[in-house]
C-alpha atoms as a PDB file:
ATOM      1  CA  MET A   1     211.275   7.111-184.728  1.00  0.00           C
ATOM      2  CA  ALA A   2     211.830   5.251-181.469  1.00  0.00           C
ATOM      3  CA  GLU A   3     213.492   1.955-180.635  1.00  0.00           C
ATOM      4  CA  THR A   4     211.261  -1.040-181.264  1.00  0.00           C
ATOM      5  CA  ASP A   5     209.810  -3.253-178.553  1.00  0.00           C
ATOM      6  CA  ILE A   6     209.282  -6.171-180.964  1.00  0.00           C
ATOM      7  CA  THR A   7     211.400  -9.172-180.005  1.00  0.00           C
ATOM      8  CA  ALA A   8     213.519 -11.148-182.440  1.00  0.00           C
ATOM      9  CA  GLU A   9     211.070 -14.071-182.287  1.00  0.00           C
ATOM     10  CA  GLN A  10     208.090 -11.809-182.918  1.00  0.00           C
ATOM     11  CA  ALA A  11     209.939 -10.203-185.835  1.00  0.00           C
ATOM     12  CA  ARG A  12     210.564 -13.685-187.302  1.00  0.00           C
ATOM     13  CA  ARG A  13     206.878 -14.594-187.035  1.00  0.00           C
ATOM     14  CA  VAL A  14     205.698 -11.281-188.511  1.00  0.00           C
ATOM     15  CA  THR A  15     208.197 -11.667-191.357  1.00  0.00           C
ATOM     16  CA  GLU A  16     206.840 -15.114-192.158  1.00  0.00           C
ATOM     17  CA  TRP A  17     203.240 -13.854-192.032  1.00  0.00           C
ATOM     18  CA  LEU A  18     203.995 -10.822-194.219  1.00  0.00           C
ATOM     19  CA  GLY A  19     206.021 -12.877-196.692  1.00  0.00           C
ATOM     20  CA  GLN A  20     202.926 -14.968-197.403  1.00  0.00           C
ATOM     21  CA  ARG A  21     201.189 -11.784-198.564  1.00  0.00           C
ATOM     22  CA  ILE A  22     204.126 -10.033-200.240  1.00  0.00           C
ATOM     23  CA  PRO A  23     206.178 -12.573-202.243  1.00  0.00           C
ATOM     24  CA  GLU A  24     208.838  -9.981-203.139  1.00  0.00           C
ATOM     25  CA  LEU A  25     209.576  -9.218-199.474  1.00  0.00           C
ATOM     26  CA  SER A  26     213.334  -9.026-198.751  1.00  0.00           C
ATOM     27  CA  PRO A  27     214.031  -9.983-195.105  1.00  0.00           C
ATOM     28  CA  PRO A  28     215.230  -9.209-192.538  1.00  0.00           C
ATOM     29  CA  LEU A  29     212.745  -6.532-191.543  1.00  0.00           C
ATOM     30  CA  ARG A  30     213.435  -3.450-189.447  1.00  0.00           C
ATOM     31  CA  PHE A  31     210.694  -2.219-187.083  1.00  0.00           C
ATOM     32  CA  ASP A  32     210.665   1.394-185.850  1.00  0.00           C
ATOM     33  CA  VAL A  33     207.971   2.849-183.602  1.00  0.00           C
ATOM     34  CA  ILE A  34     206.459   6.030-185.000  1.00  0.00           C
ATOM     35  CA  GLU A  35     206.094   8.512-182.174  1.00  0.00           C
ATOM     36  CA  GLY A  36     203.230  10.966-181.795  1.00  0.00           C
ATOM     37  CA  GLY A  37     200.206   8.689-181.355  1.00  0.00           C
ATOM     38  CA  ARG A  38     198.270   8.688-178.075  1.00  0.00           C
ATOM     39  CA  SER A  39     196.923   5.154-178.088  1.00  0.00           C
ATOM     40  CA  ASN A  40     197.463   2.428-180.668  1.00  0.00           C
ATOM     41  CA  LEU A  41     201.030   1.815-181.801  1.00  0.00           C
ATOM     42  CA  THR A  42     202.230   2.280-185.374  1.00  0.00           C
ATOM     43  CA  TYR A  43     205.519   0.862-186.677  1.00  0.00           C
ATOM     44  CA  ARG A  44     207.416   1.676-189.845  1.00  0.00           C
ATOM     45  CA  VAL A  45     208.492  -1.672-191.290  1.00  0.00           C
ATOM     46  CA  ALA A  46     211.266  -1.763-193.899  1.00  0.00           C
ATOM     47  CA  ASP A  47     212.945  -4.658-195.686  1.00  0.00           C
ATOM     48  CA  LEU A  48     216.438  -4.835-197.230  1.00  0.00           C
ATOM     49  CA  ALA A  49     215.123  -3.459-200.524  1.00  0.00           C
ATOM     50  CA  GLU A  50     213.686  -0.456-198.604  1.00  0.00           C
ATOM     51  CA  ASN A  51     210.126  -1.478-199.316  1.00  0.00           C
ATOM     52  CA  THR A  52     208.185   0.133-196.472  1.00  0.00           C
ATOM     53  CA  PHE A  53     204.948  -0.743-194.732  1.00  0.00           C
ATOM     54  CA  ALA A  54     203.055   0.401-191.650  1.00  0.00           C
ATOM     55  CA  LEU A  55     202.067  -2.063-188.920  1.00  0.00           C
ATOM     56  CA  ARG A  56     199.391  -1.052-186.427  1.00  0.00           C
ATOM     57  CA  ARG A  57     198.650  -2.799-183.121  1.00  0.00           C
ATOM     58  CA  PRO A  58     197.037  -2.021-179.719  1.00  0.00           C
ATOM     59  CA  PRO A  59     199.058  -0.573-176.804  1.00  0.00           C
ATOM     60  CA  LEU A  60     201.347  -2.957-174.945  1.00  0.00           C
ATOM     61  CA  SER A  61     199.336  -2.527-171.722  1.00  0.00           C
ATOM     62  CA  GLY A  62     196.164  -0.913-170.399  1.00  0.00           C
ATOM     63  CA  VAL A  63     194.023  -2.218-173.262  1.00  0.00           C
ATOM     64  CA  LEU A  64     190.313  -1.550-172.670  1.00  0.00           C
ATOM     65  CA  PRO A  65     187.857  -4.217-173.865  1.00  0.00           C
ATOM     66  CA  SER A  66     185.855  -1.751-175.978  1.00  0.00           C
ATOM     67  CA  ALA A  67     188.850   0.129-177.408  1.00  0.00           C
ATOM     68  CA  HIS A  68     191.835  -0.462-179.683  1.00  0.00           C
ATOM     69  CA  ASP A  69     189.807  -2.559-182.163  1.00  0.00           C
ATOM     70  CA  MET A  70     192.255  -3.383-184.945  1.00  0.00           C
ATOM     71  CA  GLN A  71     189.694  -5.302-186.975  1.00  0.00           C
ATOM     72  CA  ARG A  72     187.414  -2.269-186.982  1.00  0.00           C
ATOM     73  CA  GLU A  73     190.206   0.061-188.137  1.00  0.00           C
ATOM     74  CA  HIS A  74     191.281  -2.366-190.850  1.00  0.00           C
ATOM     75  CA  ARG A  75     187.694  -2.801-192.016  1.00  0.00           C
ATOM     76  CA  VAL A  76     187.110   0.959-192.276  1.00  0.00           C
ATOM     77  CA  ILE A  77     190.339   1.740-194.126  1.00  0.00           C
ATOM     78  CA  SER A  78     189.849  -1.191-196.497  1.00  0.00           C
ATOM     79  CA  ALA A  79     186.284  -0.133-197.243  1.00  0.00           C
ATOM     80  CA  LEU A  80     187.307   3.461-197.964  1.00  0.00           C
ATOM     81  CA  GLY A  81     189.947   2.434-200.500  1.00  0.00           C
ATOM     82  CA  GLY A  82     188.858   3.603-203.949  1.00  0.00           C
ATOM     83  CA  THR A  83     186.287   6.106-202.671  1.00  0.00           C
ATOM     84  CA  GLY A  84     188.480   9.170-203.127  1.00  0.00           C
ATOM     85  CA  VAL A  85     189.099   9.475-199.395  1.00  0.00           C
ATOM     86  CA  PRO A  86     192.891   9.473-198.881  1.00  0.00           C
ATOM     87  CA  VAL A  87     193.710   6.293-196.966  1.00  0.00           C
ATOM     88  CA  PRO A  88     196.608   3.827-197.229  1.00  0.00           C
ATOM     89  CA  ALA A  89     196.044   0.564-199.110  1.00  0.00           C
ATOM     90  CA  THR A  90     195.676  -2.307-196.644  1.00  0.00           C
ATOM     91  CA  ILE A  91     197.779  -5.454-197.019  1.00  0.00           C
ATOM     92  CA  GLY A  92     196.419  -7.822-194.401  1.00  0.00           C
ATOM     93  CA  MET A  93     194.782  -8.331-191.020  1.00  0.00           C
ATOM     94  CA  CYS A  94     196.129 -10.825-188.447  1.00  0.00           C
ATOM     95  CA  THR A  95     194.055 -12.138-185.536  1.00  0.00           C
ATOM     96  CA  ASP A  96     196.536 -14.882-184.538  1.00  0.00           C
ATOM     97  CA  HIS A  97     197.910 -13.711-181.184  1.00  0.00           C
ATOM     98  CA  ASP A  98     200.715 -16.279-181.372  1.00  0.00           C
ATOM     99  CA  ILE A  99     202.445 -13.980-183.859  1.00  0.00           C
ATOM    100  CA  LEU A 100     202.574 -10.623-182.043  1.00  0.00           C
ATOM    101  CA  GLY A 101     200.511 -11.156-178.903  1.00  0.00           C
ATOM    102  CA  ALA A 102     197.584  -9.115-180.225  1.00  0.00           C
ATOM    103  CA  ASP A 103     195.590  -8.352-183.362  1.00  0.00           C
ATOM    104  CA  PHE A 104     197.481  -6.246-185.893  1.00  0.00           C
ATOM    105  CA  TYR A 105     197.199  -5.146-189.485  1.00  0.00           C
ATOM    106  CA  VAL A 106     199.627  -3.965-192.149  1.00  0.00           C
ATOM    107  CA  MET A 107     199.114  -1.274-194.760  1.00  0.00           C
ATOM    108  CA  ASP A 108     201.187   0.720-197.211  1.00  0.00           C
ATOM    109  CA  PHE A 109     203.503   3.258-195.628  1.00  0.00           C
ATOM    110  CA  VAL A 110     202.530   6.723-196.855  1.00  0.00           C
ATOM    111  CA  GLU A 111     205.419   9.174-197.082  1.00  0.00           C
ATOM    112  CA  GLY A 112     204.940  12.717-195.873  1.00  0.00           C
ATOM    113  CA  PHE A 113     204.795  14.607-192.607  1.00  0.00           C
ATOM    114  CA  VAL A 114     202.268  15.509-189.923  1.00  0.00           C
ATOM    115  CA  ALA A 115     201.920  19.208-189.060  1.00  0.00           C
ATOM    116  CA  HIS A 116     201.563  18.769-185.320  1.00  0.00           C
ATOM    117  CA  ASP A 117     202.381  22.426-184.620  1.00  0.00           C
ATOM    118  CA  PRO A 118     202.975  25.742-186.398  1.00  0.00           C
ATOM    119  CA  GLU A 119     206.756  25.302-186.283  1.00  0.00           C
ATOM    120  CA  THR A 120     206.518  22.064-188.264  1.00  0.00           C
ATOM    121  CA  ALA A 121     204.094  23.643-190.724  1.00  0.00           C
ATOM    122  CA  VAL A 122     206.424  26.592-191.366  1.00  0.00           C
ATOM    123  CA  ALA A 123     209.490  24.352-191.748  1.00  0.00           C
ATOM    124  CA  ALA A 124     207.816  21.891-194.133  1.00  0.00           C
ATOM    125  CA  LEU A 125     205.419  24.027-196.173  1.00  0.00           C
ATOM    126  CA  SER A 126     205.763  27.228-198.159  1.00  0.00           C
ATOM    127  CA  GLU A 127     203.139  29.849-197.411  1.00  0.00           C
ATOM    128  CA  PRO A 128     201.092  28.968-200.548  1.00  0.00           C
ATOM    129  CA  ALA A 129     201.333  25.281-199.580  1.00  0.00           C
ATOM    130  CA  ARG A 130     199.976  26.127-196.124  1.00  0.00           C
ATOM    131  CA  ARG A 131     196.887  27.635-197.702  1.00  0.00           C
ATOM    132  CA  ALA A 132     196.590  24.554-199.915  1.00  0.00           C
ATOM    133  CA  ALA A 133     196.863  22.362-196.807  1.00  0.00           C
ATOM    134  CA  GLY A 134     193.997  24.195-195.139  1.00  0.00           C
ATOM    135  CA  GLU A 135     191.853  23.761-198.227  1.00  0.00           C
ATOM    136  CA  ALA A 136     192.838  20.097-198.577  1.00  0.00           C
ATOM    137  CA  ALA A 137     191.990  19.363-194.932  1.00  0.00           C
ATOM    138  CA  VAL A 138     188.465  20.671-195.455  1.00  0.00           C
ATOM    139  CA  ASP A 139     188.093  18.962-198.844  1.00  0.00           C
ATOM    140  CA  SER A 140     189.210  15.575-197.494  1.00  0.00           C
ATOM    141  CA  LEU A 141     186.670  15.856-194.683  1.00  0.00           C
ATOM    142  CA  LEU A 142     183.977  16.663-197.239  1.00  0.00           C
ATOM    143  CA  ALA A 143     185.034  13.640-199.287  1.00  0.00           C
ATOM    144  CA  LEU A 144     184.663  11.409-196.224  1.00  0.00           C
ATOM    145  CA  HIS A 145     181.238  12.790-195.387  1.00  0.00           C
ATOM    146  CA  ARG A 146     180.003  12.270-198.958  1.00  0.00           C
ATOM    147  CA  VAL A 147     180.630   8.519-198.790  1.00  0.00           C
ATOM    148  CA  ASP A 148     177.439   6.507-198.271  1.00  0.00           C
ATOM    149  CA  PRO A 149     178.306   4.006-195.489  1.00  0.00           C
ATOM    150  CA  ASP A 150     175.880   1.415-196.882  1.00  0.00           C
ATOM    151  CA  SER A 151     177.501   1.556-200.320  1.00  0.00           C
ATOM    152  CA  ILE A 152     180.872   0.370-198.963  1.00  0.00           C
ATOM    153  CA  GLY A 153     179.609  -2.156-196.431  1.00  0.00           C
ATOM    154  CA  LEU A 154     179.793   0.067-193.353  1.00  0.00           C
ATOM    155  CA  GLY A 155     176.060   0.511-192.800  1.00  0.00           C
ATOM    156  CA  ASP A 156     176.285  -1.325-189.478  1.00  0.00           C
ATOM    157  CA  LEU A 157     179.205   0.710-188.110  1.00  0.00           C
ATOM    158  CA  GLY A 158     177.656   2.149-184.954  1.00  0.00           C
ATOM    159  CA  ARG A 159     174.142   3.360-184.257  1.00  0.00           C
ATOM    160  CA  GLY A 160     174.486   6.558-186.270  1.00  0.00           C
ATOM    161  CA  SER A 161     171.611   8.566-184.810  1.00  0.00           C
ATOM    162  CA  GLY A 162     171.837  10.482-181.524  1.00  0.00           C
ATOM    163  CA  TYR A 163     175.607  10.668-181.918  1.00  0.00           C
ATOM    164  CA  VAL A 164     176.352  13.836-179.933  1.00  0.00           C
ATOM    165  CA  ALA A 165     173.838  13.059-177.189  1.00  0.00           C
ATOM    166  CA  GLY A 166     175.414   9.631-176.788  1.00  0.00           C
ATOM    167  CA  GLN A 167     178.912  11.129-176.608  1.00  0.00           C
ATOM    168  CA  LEU A 168     177.788  13.619-173.967  1.00  0.00           C
ATOM    169  CA  LYS A 169     176.303  10.844-171.831  1.00  0.00           C
ATOM    170  CA  ARG A 170     179.391   8.672-172.183  1.00  0.00           C
ATOM    171  CA  TRP A 171     181.943  11.330-171.308  1.00  0.00           C
ATOM    172  CA  SER A 172     179.780  12.856-168.554  1.00  0.00           C
ATOM    173  CA  ARG A 173     179.718   9.442-166.870  1.00  0.00           C
ATOM    174  CA  GLN A 174     183.482   9.194-167.239  1.00  0.00           C
ATOM    175  CA  VAL A 175     183.998  12.618-165.662  1.00  0.00           C
ATOM    176  CA  ALA A 176     181.598  11.852-162.809  1.00  0.00           C
ATOM    177  CA  SER A 177     183.439   8.612-162.013  1.00  0.00           C
ATOM    178  CA  LEU A 178     186.924  10.143-161.745  1.00  0.00           C
ATOM    179  CA  PRO A 179     188.523   9.711-158.308  1.00  0.00           C
ATOM    180  CA  THR A 180     190.227  13.116-158.497  1.00  0.00           C
ATOM    181  CA  GLU A 181     188.724  16.508-157.675  1.00  0.00           C
ATOM    182  CA  PRO A 182     186.530  17.595-160.642  1.00  0.00           C
ATOM    183  CA  ILE A 183     187.785  20.423-162.841  1.00  0.00           C
ATOM    184  CA  PRO A 184     185.662  23.511-162.091  1.00  0.00           C
ATOM    185  CA  GLY A 185     182.943  23.952-164.712  1.00  0.00           C
ATOM    186  CA  LEU A 186     183.526  20.675-166.569  1.00  0.00           C
ATOM    187  CA  VAL A 187     180.417  18.933-165.221  1.00  0.00           C
ATOM    188  CA  ASP A 188     178.241  22.049-165.585  1.00  0.00           C
ATOM    189  CA  MET A 189     179.361  22.600-169.174  1.00  0.00           C
ATOM    190  CA  GLY A 190     178.435  19.022-170.051  1.00  0.00           C
ATOM    191  CA  GLU A 191     174.949  19.644-168.668  1.00  0.00           C
ATOM    192  CA  ARG A 192     174.609  22.897-170.622  1.00  0.00           C
ATOM    193  CA  LEU A 193     175.597  21.177-173.848  1.00  0.00           C
ATOM    194  CA  ALA A 194     173.237  18.248-173.213  1.00  0.00           C
ATOM    195  CA  ALA A 195     170.334  20.692-172.932  1.00  0.00           C
ATOM    196  CA  ARG A 196     171.171  22.309-176.289  1.00  0.00           C
ATOM    197  CA  VAL A 197     171.979  19.432-178.665  1.00  0.00           C
ATOM    198  CA  PRO A 198     170.855  20.418-182.182  1.00  0.00           C
ATOM    199  CA  ASP A 199     168.897  18.093-184.437  1.00  0.00           C
ATOM    200  CA  GLN A 200     171.153  15.704-186.339  1.00  0.00           C
ATOM    201  CA  HIS A 201     170.696  16.320-190.071  1.00  0.00           C
ATOM    202  CA  ALA A 202     172.677  13.401-191.485  1.00  0.00           C
ATOM    203  CA  ILE A 203     174.334  10.093-190.661  1.00  0.00           C
ATOM    204  CA  THR A 204     177.722   9.724-192.310  1.00  0.00           C
ATOM    205  CA  ILE A 205     181.060   8.141-191.547  1.00  0.00           C
ATOM    206  CA  ALA A 206     182.490  10.219-188.694  1.00  0.00           C
ATOM    207  CA  HIS A 207     186.249   9.996-188.152  1.00  0.00           C
ATOM    208  CA  GLY A 208     186.058  11.050-184.502  1.00  0.00           C
ATOM    209  CA  ASP A 209     189.487  12.750-184.275  1.00  0.00           C
ATOM    210  CA  TYR A 210     189.835  14.697-187.514  1.00  0.00           C
ATOM    211  CA  ARG A 211     192.550  17.358-187.160  1.00  0.00           C
ATOM    212  CA  PHE A 212     195.931  18.211-188.640  1.00  0.00           C
ATOM    213  CA  GLY A 213     197.607  15.925-186.092  1.00  0.00           C
ATOM    214  CA  ASN A 214     195.987  12.995-187.915  1.00  0.00           C
ATOM    215  CA  LEU A 215     196.687  14.109-191.489  1.00  0.00           C
ATOM    216  CA  MET A 216     199.724  13.037-193.502  1.00  0.00           C
ATOM    217  CA  LEU A 217     200.634  15.910-195.847  1.00  0.00           C
ATOM    218  CA  ASP A 218     202.936  16.141-198.831  1.00  0.00           C
ATOM    219  CA  ALA A 219     205.212  19.085-199.620  1.00  0.00           C
ATOM    220  CA  ASP A 220     202.498  20.810-201.677  1.00  0.00           C
ATOM    221  CA  GLY A 221     199.977  20.662-198.831  1.00  0.00           C
ATOM    222  CA  ASN A 222     197.883  17.825-200.234  1.00  0.00           C
ATOM    223  CA  VAL A 223     196.427  15.304-197.769  1.00  0.00           C
ATOM    224  CA  ALA A 224     198.273  12.090-198.601  1.00  0.00           C
ATOM    225  CA  ALA A 225     196.453  10.035-195.951  1.00  0.00           C
ATOM    226  CA  ILE A 226     194.020  10.407-193.067  1.00  0.00           C
ATOM    227  CA  LEU A 227     195.400   8.562-190.032  1.00  0.00           C
ATOM    228  CA  ASP A 228     194.155   7.035-186.730  1.00  0.00           C
ATOM    229  CA  TRP A 229     190.687   5.636-187.420  1.00  0.00           C
ATOM    230  CA  GLU A 230     190.165   4.003-184.008  1.00  0.00           C
ATOM    231  CA  LEU A 231     187.254   6.326-183.071  1.00  0.00           C
ATOM    232  CA  CYS A 232     185.531   6.053-186.448  1.00  0.00           C
ATOM    233  CA  THR A 233     181.821   5.221-186.515  1.00  0.00           C
ATOM    234  CA  ARG A 234     178.631   6.333-188.212  1.00  0.00           C
ATOM    235  CA  GLY A 235     177.570   9.605-186.664  1.00  0.00           C
ATOM    236  CA  ASP A 236     176.994  13.330-187.047  1.00  0.00           C
ATOM    237  CA  PRO A 237     179.370  14.822-189.643  1.00  0.00           C
ATOM    238  CA  LEU A 238     179.181  18.250-187.989  1.00  0.00           C
ATOM    239  CA  ALA A 239     180.876  16.787-184.921  1.00  0.00           C
ATOM    240  CA  ASP A 240     183.928  16.138-187.148  1.00  0.00           C
ATOM    241  CA  LEU A 241     183.727  19.684-188.474  1.00  0.00           C
ATOM    242  CA  GLY A 242     183.500  21.121-184.963  1.00  0.00           C
ATOM    243  CA  TRP A 243     186.495  19.038-183.857  1.00  0.00           C
ATOM    244  CA  LEU A 244     188.602  20.265-186.782  1.00  0.00           C
ATOM    245  CA  LEU A 245     187.636  23.905-186.167  1.00  0.00           C
ATOM    246  CA  SER A 246     188.315  23.626-182.435  1.00  0.00           C
ATOM    247  CA  TYR A 247     191.975  23.001-183.299  1.00  0.00           C
ATOM    248  CA  TRP A 248     192.023  25.836-185.870  1.00  0.00           C
ATOM    249  CA  SER A 249     192.121  28.883-183.607  1.00  0.00           C
ATOM    250  CA  ALA A 250     191.075  30.004-180.142  1.00  0.00           C
ATOM    251  CA  PRO A 251     187.628  31.581-179.811  1.00  0.00           C
ATOM    252  CA  ALA A 252     187.255  35.300-179.203  1.00  0.00           C
ATOM    253  CA  GLY A 253     188.047  36.228-175.639  1.00  0.00           C
ATOM    254  CA  VAL A 254     190.273  33.186-175.020  1.00  0.00           C
ATOM    255  CA  ALA A 255     193.971  34.040-175.111  1.00  0.00           C
ATOM    256  CA  THR A 256     195.392  30.539-175.419  1.00  0.00           C
ATOM    257  CA  LEU A 257     194.479  26.876-175.625  1.00  0.00           C
ATOM    258  CA  PRO A 258     196.399  23.835-174.360  1.00  0.00           C
ATOM    259  CA  MET A 259     196.825  22.198-177.749  1.00  0.00           C
ATOM    260  CA  ALA A 260     199.118  23.117-180.638  1.00  0.00           C
ATOM    261  CA  MET A 261     197.380  24.771-183.579  1.00  0.00           C
ATOM    262  CA  PRO A 262     199.426  24.517-186.793  1.00  0.00           C
ATOM    263  CA  THR A 263     196.886  26.741-188.543  1.00  0.00           C
ATOM    264  CA  SER A 264     198.128  29.679-186.480  1.00  0.00           C
ATOM    265  CA  ALA A 265     201.126  29.810-188.854  1.00  0.00           C
ATOM    266  CA  PRO A 266     200.939  32.476-191.600  1.00  0.00           C
ATOM    267  CA  GLY A 267     199.286  31.407-194.849  1.00  0.00           C
ATOM    268  CA  PHE A 268     196.583  29.050-193.576  1.00  0.00           C
ATOM    269  CA  LEU A 269     192.910  29.738-194.141  1.00  0.00           C
ATOM    270  CA  SER A 270     191.201  31.513-191.278  1.00  0.00           C
ATOM    271  CA  ARG A 271     188.682  29.490-189.290  1.00  0.00           C
ATOM    272  CA  ASP A 272     185.846  31.440-190.951  1.00  0.00           C
ATOM    273  CA  GLU A 273     187.281  30.614-194.390  1.00  0.00           C
ATOM    274  CA  ALA A 274     187.554  26.926-193.483  1.00  0.00           C
ATOM    275  CA  LEU A 275     183.924  26.918-192.290  1.00  0.00           C
ATOM    276  CA  ALA A 276     182.785  28.695-195.460  1.00  0.00           C
ATOM    277  CA  ARG A 277     184.631  26.166-197.626  1.00  0.00           C
ATOM    278  CA  TYR A 278     182.949  23.258-195.848  1.00  0.00           C
ATOM    279  CA  GLY A 279     179.553  24.949-196.123  1.00  0.00           C
ATOM    280  CA  ALA A 280     180.029  25.545-199.854  1.00  0.00           C
ATOM    281  CA  GLY A 281     180.814  21.874-200.426  1.00  0.00           C
ATOM    282  CA  SER A 282     178.068  20.394-198.263  1.00  0.00           C
ATOM    283  CA  GLU A 283     174.281  20.514-198.207  1.00  0.00           C
ATOM    284  CA  LEU A 284     174.294  20.444-194.398  1.00  0.00           C
ATOM    285  CA  PRO A 285     173.306  23.583-192.500  1.00  0.00           C
ATOM    286  CA  THR A 286     176.203  24.948-190.457  1.00  0.00           C
ATOM    287  CA  ASP A 287     174.200  27.450-188.370  1.00  0.00           C
ATOM    288  CA  ASP A 288     174.847  25.409-185.215  1.00  0.00           C
ATOM    289  CA  VAL A 289     178.597  25.054-185.761  1.00  0.00           C
ATOM    290  CA  ASN A 290     179.403  26.955-182.551  1.00  0.00           C
ATOM    291  CA  PHE A 291     177.641  24.245-180.570  1.00  0.00           C
ATOM    292  CA  TYR A 292     179.798  21.573-182.219  1.00  0.00           C
ATOM    293  CA  VAL A 293     182.998  23.541-181.585  1.00  0.00           C
ATOM    294  CA  ALA A 294     182.006  24.036-177.922  1.00  0.00           C
ATOM    295  CA  PHE A 295     181.222  20.318-177.689  1.00  0.00           C
ATOM    296  CA  ALA A 296     184.685  19.561-179.113  1.00  0.00           C
ATOM    297  CA  TYR A 297     186.424  21.698-176.477  1.00  0.00           C
ATOM    298  CA  TRP A 298     184.389  20.084-173.713  1.00  0.00           C
ATOM    299  CA  ARG A 299     184.963  16.558-175.006  1.00  0.00           C
ATOM    300  CA  LEU A 300     188.718  17.116-175.226  1.00  0.00           C
ATOM    301  CA  GLY A 301     188.614  18.467-171.673  1.00  0.00           C
ATOM    302  CA  ALA A 302     186.733  15.368-170.512  1.00  0.00           C
ATOM    303  CA  VAL A 303     189.232  13.077-172.252  1.00  0.00           C
ATOM    304  CA  LEU A 304     192.213  14.906-170.745  1.00  0.00           C
ATOM    305  CA  ALA A 305     190.594  14.899-167.296  1.00  0.00           C
ATOM    306  CA  GLY A 306     190.500  11.103-167.439  1.00  0.00           C
ATOM    307  CA  VAL A 307     194.083  10.861-168.675  1.00  0.00           C
ATOM    308  CA  TYR A 308     195.238  13.314-165.997  1.00  0.00           C
ATOM    309  CA  SER A 309     193.425  11.401-163.248  1.00  0.00           C
ATOM    310  CA  ARG A 310     195.032   8.138-164.318  1.00  0.00           C
ATOM    311  CA  SER A 311     198.458   9.721-164.714  1.00  0.00           C
ATOM    312  CA  ILE A 312     198.619  11.172-161.193  1.00  0.00           C
ATOM    313  CA  THR A 313     197.566   7.825-159.752  1.00  0.00           C
ATOM    314  CA  GLY A 314     200.499   6.147-161.528  1.00  0.00           C
ATOM    315  CA  ALA A 315     198.661   4.304-164.289  1.00  0.00           C
ATOM    316  CA  TYR A 316     201.165   5.505-166.910  1.00  0.00           C
ATOM    317  CA  GLY A 317     204.260   5.319-164.767  1.00  0.00           C
ATOM    318  CA  GLY A 318     204.680   9.087-165.062  1.00  0.00           C
ATOM    319  CA  ALA A 319     205.246   8.938-168.804  1.00  0.00           C
ATOM    320  CA  GLN A 320     202.082  10.834-169.791  1.00  0.00           C
ATOM    321  CA  THR A 321     202.274  13.639-167.297  1.00  0.00           C
ATOM    322  CA  GLN A 322     204.208  15.712-169.857  1.00  0.00           C
ATOM    323  CA  GLN A 323     201.460  15.551-172.485  1.00  0.00           C
ATOM    324  CA  ARG A 324     200.485  19.014-173.661  1.00  0.00           C
ATOM    325  CA  GLY A 325     197.502  20.380-171.732  1.00  0.00           C
ATOM    326  CA  LEU A 326     197.546  17.546-169.228  1.00  0.00           C
ATOM    327  CA  SER A 327     196.918  19.653-166.130  1.00  0.00           C
ATOM    328  CA  PRO A 328     193.937  21.180-164.335  1.00  0.00           C
ATOM    329  CA  GLU A 329     194.964  24.542-165.829  1.00  0.00           C
ATOM    330  CA  GLY A 330     194.982  23.181-169.383  1.00  0.00           C
ATOM    331  CA  ILE A 331     191.610  21.504-168.929  1.00  0.00           C
ATOM    332  CA  SER A 332     190.174  24.695-167.418  1.00  0.00           C
ATOM    333  CA  MET A 333     191.269  26.530-170.593  1.00  0.00           C
ATOM    334  CA  LEU A 334     189.138  24.121-172.614  1.00  0.00           C
ATOM    335  CA  VAL A 335     186.132  24.683-170.335  1.00  0.00           C
ATOM    336  CA  ALA A 336     186.590  28.444-170.813  1.00  0.00           C
ATOM    337  CA  ALA A 337     186.826  27.976-174.585  1.00  0.00           C
ATOM    338  CA  ALA A 338     183.619  25.904-174.605  1.00  0.00           C
ATOM    339  CA  GLU A 339     181.849  28.586-172.561  1.00  0.00           C
ATOM    340  CA  ALA A 340     183.047  31.418-174.806  1.00  0.00           C
ATOM    341  CA  THR A 341     181.971  29.488-177.896  1.00  0.00           C
ATOM    342  CA  ILE A 342     178.548  28.336-176.747  1.00  0.00           C
ATOM    343  CA  ASP A 343     177.709  31.817-175.488  1.00  0.00           C
ATOM    344  CA  GLY A 344     178.059  32.874-179.113  1.00  0.00           C
ATOM    345  CA  VAL A 345     175.504  30.283-180.307  1.00  0.00           C
END
């Protein structure tokens, strides 16, 4: 937890707004920033009776017009409630900027921990619980992909078709527009992937950033909640699978990757076991999974290239330059991983 940036007046206004929705609220409220997120801010909110809630809002600065859509996040999480997908119960959405200066929403605070790295996984989970966590991560993704978007009012959430091709075009444009020297191979790999996009076999709800860093786990390894829905849309479910597997283990021939992989701790399923579990629970063909994993490595490289470019030009005030993998060397590792993976397609 980090010190809050919410002023006393903002806290008063949020307390009044929340009290209208939770009559048993016991002010004053305490606001603590939950560290670990890369974009939108999440606060743990507690009252005197230790009732706890989570408040989510956009970043304090650098907000892009097409990003950080709180109403979209709130709509998705609310719609998924009761479907079997583990999400917090939502309490309310506020679009009155006089209260906090931006849109925000409040939901139940889900207790647990996030296994950001193998050290955390080992400290928090027994070896059997680590295996259970690997199984639960796959099963929760399957549960999400089984939900019919139309049946819960999300049939208009994004275009749905041509998902990967659209992502490749978007991030290729971003990479081409960067003012810094391009990372060797990043542009070429995007072109190789664009020429090999498989047919899309289904349109489902796609989380967009499904990995252990966005899963709240309990002590037994169950997924208590899926977090950070800001990239969610209708799209290709295998892109979610590829993203999850890209964080599972490095491909053959690649010694290391720039991101932490909690599944490298003893006890977790192997990447092949995770893929087999998904395949057994889905009717989708997974023959092209290497393409989706390679696409995931490339996309992460493209994202980090943009963050790195902005960081060295001072857009973050130097604060983000310590982010794991945020260097030309780290991004080059991802290009190498994409190449090693797609060559195995």
